[in-house]
Amino acid sequence: MAELSVTLYSSSFCGACTSTRQTLDVVAPLVGSRVEWREVNVADAPDESEARGIVATPTIVITDASGVERMRASGVPTPEQVLKALAAALP
């Protein structure tokens, strides 16, 4: 079981979402199975997006294995920023 989950909340016509997805694709192989990766299109999952309080795309939410939110950020991160956030969120 993964220690953390990273969810990218995106929308279909969001150029920044594409850039964020590319950043996450760079980071994913570096952290291995410790992290589970998900993407949620806010138009396809409005209930989940609303429940999480998503107000802008792209938004990345990092949760721990029990589902507790450990970090949230909107906008396009660098790979270094994502790695720092993951390191800070790891138990």
PDB file of N, CA and C in Angstrom:
ATOM      1  N   MET A   1       0.839  -1.189   0.000  1.00  0.00           N
ATOM      2  CA  MET A   1       0.000   0.000   0.000  1.00  0.00           C
ATOM      3  C   MET A   1       0.880   1.247   0.000  1.00  0.00           C
ATOM      4  N   ALA A   2       0.490   2.230  -0.790  1.00  0.00           N
ATOM      5  CA  ALA A   2       1.244   3.473  -0.879  1.00  0.00           C
ATOM      6  C   ALA A   2       1.114   4.269   0.414  1.00  0.00           C
ATOM      7  N   GLU A   3       2.169   4.989   0.753  1.00  0.00           N
ATOM      8  CA  GLU A   3       2.176   5.816   1.952  1.00  0.00           C
ATOM      9  C   GLU A   3       1.455   7.143   1.731  1.00  0.00           C
ATOM     10  N   LEU A   4       1.490   7.617   0.491  1.00  0.00           N
ATOM     11  CA  LEU A   4       0.852   8.885   0.138  1.00  0.00           C
ATOM     12  C   LEU A   4       0.074   8.723  -1.155  1.00  0.00           C
ATOM     13  N   SER A   5      -0.892   9.607  -1.329  1.00  0.00           N
ATOM     14  CA  SER A   5      -1.635   9.683  -2.579  1.00  0.00           C
ATOM     15  C   SER A   5      -1.552  11.122  -3.088  1.00  0.00           C
ATOM     16  N   VAL A   6      -1.252  11.261  -4.359  1.00  0.00           N
ATOM     17  CA  VAL A   6      -1.224  12.576  -4.999  1.00  0.00           C
ATOM     18  C   VAL A   6      -2.361  12.614  -6.006  1.00  0.00           C
ATOM     19  N   THR A   7      -3.245  13.582  -5.832  1.00  0.00           N
ATOM     20  CA  THR A   7      -4.356  13.738  -6.760  1.00  0.00           C
ATOM     21  C   THR A   7      -4.219  15.080  -7.461  1.00  0.00           C
ATOM     22  N   LEU A   8      -4.225  15.031  -8.785  1.00  0.00           N
ATOM     23  CA  LEU A   8      -4.236  16.230  -9.605  1.00  0.00           C
ATOM     24  C   LEU A   8      -5.678  16.486 -10.004  1.00  0.00           C
ATOM     25  N   TYR A   9      -6.222  17.610  -9.575  1.00  0.00           N
ATOM     26  CA  TYR A   9      -7.555  18.034 -10.001  1.00  0.00           C
ATOM     27  C   TYR A   9      -7.348  18.925 -11.213  1.00  0.00           C
ATOM     28  N   SER A  10      -7.939  18.510 -12.334  1.00  0.00           N
ATOM     29  CA  SER A  10      -7.702  19.177 -13.609  1.00  0.00           C
ATOM     30  C   SER A  10      -9.016  19.453 -14.319  1.00  0.00           C
ATOM     31  N   SER A  11      -8.894  20.149 -15.438  1.00  0.00           N
ATOM     32  CA  SER A  11     -10.046  20.366 -16.313  1.00  0.00           C
ATOM     33  C   SER A  11      -9.585  20.190 -17.758  1.00  0.00           C
ATOM     34  N   SER A  12     -10.527  19.943 -18.628  1.00  0.00           N
ATOM     35  CA  SER A  12     -10.215  19.525 -19.995  1.00  0.00           C
ATOM     36  C   SER A  12      -9.406  20.530 -20.801  1.00  0.00           C
ATOM     37  N   PHE A  13      -9.728  21.797 -20.703  1.00  0.00           N
ATOM     38  CA  PHE A  13      -9.081  22.789 -21.556  1.00  0.00           C
ATOM     39  C   PHE A  13      -8.141  23.686 -20.763  1.00  0.00           C
ATOM     40  N   CYS A  14      -7.371  23.072 -19.886  1.00  0.00           N
ATOM     41  CA  CYS A  14      -6.489  23.782 -18.972  1.00  0.00           C
ATOM     42  C   CYS A  14      -5.040  23.533 -19.386  1.00  0.00           C
ATOM     43  N   GLY A  15      -4.406  24.536 -19.980  1.00  0.00           N
ATOM     44  CA  GLY A  15      -3.010  24.397 -20.391  1.00  0.00           C
ATOM     45  C   GLY A  15      -2.082  24.180 -19.212  1.00  0.00           C
ATOM     46  N   ALA A  16      -2.361  24.849 -18.092  1.00  0.00           N
ATOM     47  CA  ALA A  16      -1.542  24.676 -16.893  1.00  0.00           C
ATOM     48  C   ALA A  16      -1.672  23.254 -16.358  1.00  0.00           C
ATOM     49  N   CYS A  17      -2.825  22.632 -16.559  1.00  0.00           N
ATOM     50  CA  CYS A  17      -3.022  21.241 -16.118  1.00  0.00           C
ATOM     51  C   CYS A  17      -2.099  20.311 -16.904  1.00  0.00           C
ATOM     52  N   THR A  18      -1.942  20.572 -18.186  1.00  0.00           N
ATOM     53  CA  THR A  18      -1.041  19.768 -19.015  1.00  0.00           C
ATOM     54  C   THR A  18       0.387  19.892 -18.511  1.00  0.00           C
ATOM     55  N   SER A  19       0.808  21.110 -18.184  1.00  0.00           N
ATOM     56  CA  SER A  19       2.157  21.321 -17.654  1.00  0.00           C
ATOM     57  C   SER A  19       2.335  20.630 -16.313  1.00  0.00           C
ATOM     58  N   THR A  20       1.319  20.689 -15.461  1.00  0.00           N
ATOM     59  CA  THR A  20       1.390  20.038 -14.156  1.00  0.00           C
ATOM     60  C   THR A  20       1.469  18.534 -14.320  1.00  0.00           C
ATOM     61  N   ARG A  21       0.679  17.984 -15.223  1.00  0.00           N
ATOM     62  CA  ARG A  21       0.709  16.545 -15.504  1.00  0.00           C
ATOM     63  C   ARG A  21       2.113  16.126 -15.939  1.00  0.00           C
ATOM     64  N   GLN A  22       2.759  16.921 -16.787  1.00  0.00           N
ATOM     65  CA  GLN A  22       4.111  16.615 -17.246  1.00  0.00           C
ATOM     66  C   GLN A  22       5.101  16.632 -16.078  1.00  0.00           C
ATOM     67  N   THR A  23       4.942  17.578 -15.167  1.00  0.00           N
ATOM     68  CA  THR A  23       5.803  17.633 -13.979  1.00  0.00           C
ATOM     69  C   THR A  23       5.626  16.382 -13.133  1.00  0.00           C
ATOM     70  N   LEU A  24       4.385  15.980 -12.915  1.00  0.00           N
ATOM     71  CA  LEU A  24       4.127  14.784 -12.107  1.00  0.00           C
ATOM     72  C   LEU A  24       4.670  13.534 -12.791  1.00  0.00           C
ATOM     73  N   ASP A  25       4.624  13.509 -14.117  1.00  0.00           N
ATOM     74  CA  ASP A  25       5.179  12.373 -14.866  1.00  0.00           C
ATOM     75  C   ASP A  25       6.694  12.268 -14.693  1.00  0.00           C
ATOM     76  N   VAL A  26       7.359  13.399 -14.485  1.00  0.00           N
ATOM     77  CA  VAL A  26       8.804  13.396 -14.230  1.00  0.00           C
ATOM     78  C   VAL A  26       9.096  12.870 -12.821  1.00  0.00           C
ATOM     79  N   VAL A  27       8.264  13.256 -11.861  1.00  0.00           N
ATOM     80  CA  VAL A  27       8.500  12.900 -10.459  1.00  0.00           C
ATOM     81  C   VAL A  27       8.123  11.454 -10.146  1.00  0.00           C
ATOM     82  N   ALA A  28       7.064  10.952 -10.733  1.00  0.00           N
ATOM     83  CA  ALA A  28       6.534   9.622 -10.386  1.00  0.00           C
ATOM     84  C   ALA A  28       7.597   8.521 -10.372  1.00  0.00           C
ATOM     85  N   PRO A  29       8.439   8.399 -11.385  1.00  0.00           N
ATOM     86  CA  PRO A  29       9.421   7.311 -11.356  1.00  0.00           C
ATOM     87  C   PRO A  29      10.476   7.476 -10.245  1.00  0.00           C
ATOM     88  N   LEU A  30      10.640   8.685  -9.752  1.00  0.00           N
ATOM     89  CA  LEU A  30      11.651   8.944  -8.728  1.00  0.00           C
ATOM     90  C   LEU A  30      11.227   8.477  -7.336  1.00  0.00           C
ATOM     91  N   VAL A  31       9.917   8.334  -7.110  1.00  0.00           N
ATOM     92  CA  VAL A  31       9.432   7.995  -5.772  1.00  0.00           C
ATOM     93  C   VAL A  31       8.886   6.571  -5.678  1.00  0.00           C
ATOM     94  N   GLY A  32       8.759   5.890  -6.780  1.00  0.00           N
ATOM     95  CA  GLY A  32       8.351   4.493  -6.774  1.00  0.00           C
ATOM     96  C   GLY A  32       6.971   4.256  -6.196  1.00  0.00           C
ATOM     97  N   SER A  33       6.839   3.113  -5.537  1.00  0.00           N
ATOM     98  CA  SER A  33       5.521   2.667  -5.077  1.00  0.00           C
ATOM     99  C   SER A  33       5.075   3.320  -3.770  1.00  0.00           C
ATOM    100  N   ARG A  34       5.862   4.227  -3.227  1.00  0.00           N
ATOM    101  CA  ARG A  34       5.477   4.904  -1.984  1.00  0.00           C
ATOM    102  C   ARG A  34       4.321   5.879  -2.209  1.00  0.00           C
ATOM    103  N   VAL A  35       4.090   6.227  -3.478  1.00  0.00           N
ATOM    104  CA  VAL A  35       3.074   7.220  -3.812  1.00  0.00           C
ATOM    105  C   VAL A  35       2.120   6.660  -4.860  1.00  0.00           C
ATOM    106  N   GLU A  36       0.836   6.849  -4.620  1.00  0.00           N
ATOM    107  CA  GLU A  36      -0.208   6.514  -5.594  1.00  0.00           C
ATOM    108  C   GLU A  36      -0.579   7.805  -6.315  1.00  0.00           C
ATOM    109  N   TRP A  37      -0.748   7.735  -7.624  1.00  0.00           N
ATOM    110  CA  TRP A  37      -1.038   8.922  -8.441  1.00  0.00           C
ATOM    111  C   TRP A  37      -2.441   8.820  -9.007  1.00  0.00           C
ATOM    112  N   ARG A  38      -3.210   9.904  -8.903  1.00  0.00           N
ATOM    113  CA  ARG A  38      -4.565   9.960  -9.474  1.00  0.00           C
ATOM    114  C   ARG A  38      -4.744  11.288 -10.179  1.00  0.00           C
ATOM    115  N   GLU A  39      -5.631  11.292 -11.157  1.00  0.00           N
ATOM    116  CA  GLU A  39      -6.069  12.548 -11.767  1.00  0.00           C
ATOM    117  C   GLU A  39      -7.577  12.548 -11.804  1.00  0.00           C
ATOM    118  N   VAL A  40      -8.157  13.660 -11.405  1.00  0.00           N
ATOM    119  CA  VAL A  40      -9.603  13.816 -11.375  1.00  0.00           C
ATOM    120  C   VAL A  40      -9.955  15.043 -12.194  1.00  0.00           C
ATOM    121  N   ASN A  41     -10.756  14.831 -13.239  1.00  0.00           N
ATOM    122  CA  ASN A  41     -11.280  15.948 -14.011  1.00  0.00           C
ATOM    123  C   ASN A  41     -12.477  16.499 -13.238  1.00  0.00           C
ATOM    124  N   VAL A  42     -12.420  17.775 -12.878  1.00  0.00           N
ATOM    125  CA  VAL A  42     -13.467  18.350 -12.024  1.00  0.00           C
ATOM    126  C   VAL A  42     -14.843  18.290 -12.681  1.00  0.00           C
ATOM    127  N   ALA A  43     -14.900  18.294 -14.021  1.00  0.00           N
ATOM    128  CA  ALA A  43     -16.191  18.207 -14.705  1.00  0.00           C
ATOM    129  C   ALA A  43     -16.774  16.802 -14.621  1.00  0.00           C
ATOM    130  N   ASP A  44     -15.898  15.805 -14.550  1.00  0.00           N
ATOM    131  CA  ASP A  44     -16.343  14.412 -14.473  1.00  0.00           C
ATOM    132  C   ASP A  44     -16.660  13.978 -13.045  1.00  0.00           C
ATOM    133  N   ALA A  45     -16.106  14.669 -12.066  1.00  0.00           N
ATOM    134  CA  ALA A  45     -16.306  14.292 -10.659  1.00  0.00           C
ATOM    135  C   ALA A  45     -16.609  15.532  -9.815  1.00  0.00           C
ATOM    136  N   PRO A  46     -17.721  16.199 -10.114  1.00  0.00           N
ATOM    137  CA  PRO A  46     -18.021  17.449  -9.391  1.00  0.00           C
ATOM    138  C   PRO A  46     -18.247  17.242  -7.896  1.00  0.00           C
ATOM    139  N   ASP A  47     -18.823  16.115  -7.492  1.00  0.00           N
ATOM    140  CA  ASP A  47     -19.077  15.883  -6.070  1.00  0.00           C
ATOM    141  C   ASP A  47     -17.764  15.759  -5.288  1.00  0.00           C
ATOM    142  N   GLU A  48     -16.836  14.959  -5.810  1.00  0.00           N
ATOM    143  CA  GLU A  48     -15.533  14.812  -5.141  1.00  0.00           C
ATOM    144  C   GLU A  48     -14.793  16.146  -5.117  1.00  0.00           C
ATOM    145  N   SER A  49     -14.804  16.849  -6.242  1.00  0.00           N
ATOM    146  CA  SER A  49     -14.095  18.125  -6.326  1.00  0.00           C
ATOM    147  C   SER A  49     -14.663  19.137  -5.340  1.00  0.00           C
ATOM    148  N   GLU A  50     -15.977  19.189  -5.247  1.00  0.00           N
ATOM    149  CA  GLU A  50     -16.621  20.109  -4.302  1.00  0.00           C
ATOM    150  C   GLU A  50     -16.328  19.700  -2.859  1.00  0.00           C
ATOM    151  N   ALA A  51     -16.385  18.412  -2.575  1.00  0.00           N
ATOM    152  CA  ALA A  51     -16.120  17.929  -1.219  1.00  0.00           C
ATOM    153  C   ALA A  51     -14.696  18.258  -0.786  1.00  0.00           C
ATOM    154  N   ARG A  52     -13.767  18.259  -1.727  1.00  0.00           N
ATOM    155  CA  ARG A  52     -12.370  18.588  -1.431  1.00  0.00           C
ATOM    156  C   ARG A  52     -12.113  20.096  -1.447  1.00  0.00           C
ATOM    157  N   GLY A  53     -13.112  20.877  -1.836  1.00  0.00           N
ATOM    158  CA  GLY A  53     -12.941  22.330  -1.849  1.00  0.00           C
ATOM    159  C   GLY A  53     -12.065  22.827  -2.977  1.00  0.00           C
ATOM    160  N   ILE A  54     -12.117  22.147  -4.106  1.00  0.00           N
ATOM    161  CA  ILE A  54     -11.307  22.545  -5.255  1.00  0.00           C
ATOM    162  C   ILE A  54     -11.961  23.746  -5.923  1.00  0.00           C
ATOM    163  N   VAL A  55     -11.233  24.855  -6.006  1.00  0.00           N
ATOM    164  CA  VAL A  55     -11.777  26.081  -6.594  1.00  0.00           C
ATOM    165  C   VAL A  55     -11.017  26.525  -7.838  1.00  0.00           C
ATOM    166  N   ALA A  56      -9.887  25.872  -8.129  1.00  0.00           N
ATOM    167  CA  ALA A  56      -9.085  26.228  -9.302  1.00  0.00           C
ATOM    168  C   ALA A  56      -8.382  24.980  -9.819  1.00  0.00           C
ATOM    169  N   THR A  57      -8.111  24.980 -11.110  1.00  0.00           N
ATOM    170  CA  THR A  57      -7.310  23.905 -11.686  1.00  0.00           C
ATOM    171  C   THR A  57      -6.092  24.532 -12.344  1.00  0.00           C
ATOM    172  N   PRO A  58      -4.955  23.874 -12.265  1.00  0.00           N
ATOM    173  CA  PRO A  58      -4.704  22.618 -11.578  1.00  0.00           C
ATOM    174  C   PRO A  58      -4.530  22.822 -10.074  1.00  0.00           C
ATOM    175  N   THR A  59      -5.000  21.847  -9.315  1.00  0.00           N
ATOM    176  CA  THR A  59      -4.737  21.778  -7.883  1.00  0.00           C
ATOM    177  C   THR A  59      -4.234  20.378  -7.578  1.00  0.00           C
ATOM    178  N   ILE A  60      -3.154  20.313  -6.809  1.00  0.00           N
ATOM    179  CA  ILE A  60      -2.589  19.040  -6.368  1.00  0.00           C
ATOM    180  C   ILE A  60      -2.892  18.895  -4.881  1.00  0.00           C
ATOM    181  N   VAL A  61      -3.417  17.731  -4.508  1.00  0.00           N
ATOM    182  CA  VAL A  61      -3.678  17.431  -3.102  1.00  0.00           C
ATOM    183  C   VAL A  61      -2.906  16.165  -2.740  1.00  0.00           C
ATOM    184  N   ILE A  62      -2.107  16.259  -1.676  1.00  0.00           N
ATOM    185  CA  ILE A  62      -1.371  15.106  -1.166  1.00  0.00           C
ATOM    186  C   ILE A  62      -2.059  14.651   0.112  1.00  0.00           C
ATOM    187  N   THR A  63      -2.433  13.372   0.156  1.00  0.00           N
ATOM    188  CA  THR A  63      -3.049  12.800   1.348  1.00  0.00           C
ATOM    189  C   THR A  63      -2.214  11.620   1.828  1.00  0.00           C
ATOM    190  N   ASP A  64      -2.298  11.355   3.131  1.00  0.00           N
ATOM    191  CA  ASP A  64      -1.576  10.196   3.665  1.00  0.00           C
ATOM    192  C   ASP A  64      -2.432   8.941   3.495  1.00  0.00           C
ATOM    193  N   ALA A  65      -1.908   7.820   3.956  1.00  0.00           N
ATOM    194  CA  ALA A  65      -2.578   6.530   3.747  1.00  0.00           C
ATOM    195  C   ALA A  65      -3.953   6.468   4.391  1.00  0.00           C
ATOM    196  N   SER A  66      -4.193   7.262   5.421  1.00  0.00           N
ATOM    197  CA  SER A  66      -5.511   7.272   6.071  1.00  0.00           C
ATOM    198  C   SER A  66      -6.452   8.306   5.463  1.00  0.00           C
ATOM    199  N   GLY A  67      -6.005   9.017   4.419  1.00  0.00           N
ATOM    200  CA  GLY A  67      -6.863   9.976   3.737  1.00  0.00           C
ATOM    201  C   GLY A  67      -6.788  11.389   4.264  1.00  0.00           C
ATOM    202  N   VAL A  68      -5.896  11.641   5.229  1.00  0.00           N
ATOM    203  CA  VAL A  68      -5.750  12.984   5.790  1.00  0.00           C
ATOM    204  C   VAL A  68      -4.928  13.845   4.836  1.00  0.00           C
ATOM    205  N   GLU A  69      -5.449  15.021   4.524  1.00  0.00           N
ATOM    206  CA  GLU A  69      -4.744  15.922   3.626  1.00  0.00           C
ATOM    207  C   GLU A  69      -3.480  16.442   4.297  1.00  0.00           C
ATOM    208  N   ARG A  70      -2.356  16.301   3.590  1.00  0.00           N
ATOM    209  CA  ARG A  70      -1.063  16.732   4.125  1.00  0.00           C
ATOM    210  C   ARG A  70      -0.548  17.995   3.442  1.00  0.00           C
ATOM    211  N   MET A  71      -1.011  18.259   2.205  1.00  0.00           N
ATOM    212  CA  MET A  71      -0.544  19.423   1.460  1.00  0.00           C
ATOM    213  C   MET A  71      -1.473  19.660   0.291  1.00  0.00           C
ATOM    214  N   ARG A  72      -1.575  20.942  -0.090  1.00  0.00           N
ATOM    215  CA  ARG A  72      -2.387  21.326  -1.248  1.00  0.00           C
ATOM    216  C   ARG A  72      -1.717  22.523  -1.906  1.00  0.00           C
ATOM    217  N   ALA A  73      -1.736  22.529  -3.234  1.00  0.00           N
ATOM    218  CA  ALA A  73      -1.181  23.666  -3.965  1.00  0.00           C
ATOM    219  C   ALA A  73      -1.894  23.792  -5.304  1.00  0.00           C
ATOM    220  N   SER A  74      -2.085  25.024  -5.723  1.00  0.00           N
ATOM    221  CA  SER A  74      -2.658  25.300  -7.041  1.00  0.00           C
ATOM    222  C   SER A  74      -1.566  25.886  -7.928  1.00  0.00           C
ATOM    223  N   GLY A  75      -1.742  25.714  -9.221  1.00  0.00           N
ATOM    224  CA  GLY A  75      -0.753  26.228 -10.162  1.00  0.00           C
ATOM    225  C   GLY A  75       0.197  25.131 -10.610  1.00  0.00           C
ATOM    226  N   VAL A  76       1.184  25.533 -11.395  1.00  0.00           N
ATOM    227  CA  VAL A  76       2.134  24.583 -11.972  1.00  0.00           C
ATOM    228  C   VAL A  76       3.385  24.535 -11.099  1.00  0.00           C
ATOM    229  N   PRO A  77       3.638  23.381 -10.464  1.00  0.00           N
ATOM    230  CA  PRO A  77       4.835  23.263  -9.631  1.00  0.00           C
ATOM    231  C   PRO A  77       6.039  22.819 -10.453  1.00  0.00           C
ATOM    232  N   THR A  78       7.210  23.007  -9.895  1.00  0.00           N
ATOM    233  CA  THR A  78       8.418  22.425 -10.475  1.00  0.00           C
ATOM    234  C   THR A  78       8.578  21.017  -9.898  1.00  0.00           C
ATOM    235  N   PRO A  79       9.371  20.169 -10.547  1.00  0.00           N
ATOM    236  CA  PRO A  79       9.624  18.853  -9.966  1.00  0.00           C
ATOM    237  C   PRO A  79      10.221  18.955  -8.555  1.00  0.00           C
ATOM    238  N   GLU A  80      11.085  19.918  -8.346  1.00  0.00           N
ATOM    239  CA  GLU A  80      11.702  20.102  -7.035  1.00  0.00           C
ATOM    240  C   GLU A  80      10.655  20.422  -5.972  1.00  0.00           C
ATOM    241  N   GLN A  81       9.685  21.262  -6.311  1.00  0.00           N
ATOM    242  CA  GLN A  81       8.627  21.598  -5.364  1.00  0.00           C
ATOM    243  C   GLN A  81       7.788  20.377  -5.005  1.00  0.00           C
ATOM    244  N   VAL A  82       7.486  19.554  -5.985  1.00  0.00           N
ATOM    245  CA  VAL A  82       6.698  18.340  -5.728  1.00  0.00           C
ATOM    246  C   VAL A  82       7.486  17.385  -4.844  1.00  0.00           C
ATOM    247  N   LEU A  83       8.770  17.200  -5.139  1.00  0.00           N
ATOM    248  CA  LEU A  83       9.596  16.306  -4.334  1.00  0.00           C
ATOM    249  C   LEU A  83       9.711  16.798  -2.893  1.00  0.00           C
ATOM    250  N   LYS A  84       9.878  18.091  -2.703  1.00  0.00           N
ATOM    251  CA  LYS A  84       9.945  18.661  -1.345  1.00  0.00           C
ATOM    252  C   LYS A  84       8.624  18.435  -0.602  1.00  0.00           C
ATOM    253  N   ALA A  85       7.505  18.647  -1.288  1.00  0.00           N
ATOM    254  CA  ALA A  85       6.200  18.462  -0.658  1.00  0.00           C
ATOM    255  C   ALA A  85       5.988  16.996  -0.267  1.00  0.00           C
ATOM    256  N   LEU A  86       6.396  16.085  -1.138  1.00  0.00           N
ATOM    257  CA  LEU A  86       6.262  14.663  -0.831  1.00  0.00           C
ATOM    258  C   LEU A  86       7.153  14.278   0.353  1.00  0.00           C
ATOM    259  N   ALA A  87       8.364  14.768   0.362  1.00  0.00           N
ATOM    260  CA  ALA A  87       9.275  14.461   1.470  1.00  0.00           C
ATOM    261  C   ALA A  87       8.721  14.988   2.785  1.00  0.00           C
ATOM    262  N   ALA A  88       8.127  16.173   2.767  1.00  0.00           N
ATOM    263  CA  ALA A  88       7.558  16.754   3.986  1.00  0.00           C
ATOM    264  C   ALA A  88       6.325  15.985   4.453  1.00  0.00           C
ATOM    265  N   ALA A  89       5.613  15.382   3.522  1.00  0.00           N
ATOM    266  CA  ALA A  89       4.370  14.685   3.861  1.00  0.00           C
ATOM    267  C   ALA A  89       4.591  13.233   4.267  1.00  0.00           C
ATOM    268  N   LEU A  90       5.745  12.673   3.941  1.00  0.00           N
ATOM    269  CA  LEU A  90       5.996  11.263   4.283  1.00  0.00           C
ATOM    270  C   LEU A  90       6.083  11.095   5.795  1.00  0.00           C
ATOM    271  N   PRO A  91       5.516  10.000   6.291  1.00  0.00           N
ATOM    272  CA  PRO A  91       5.569   9.760   7.744  1.00  0.00           C
ATOM    273  C   PRO A  91       6.987   9.454   8.216  1.00  0.00           C
TER     274      PRO A  91
END
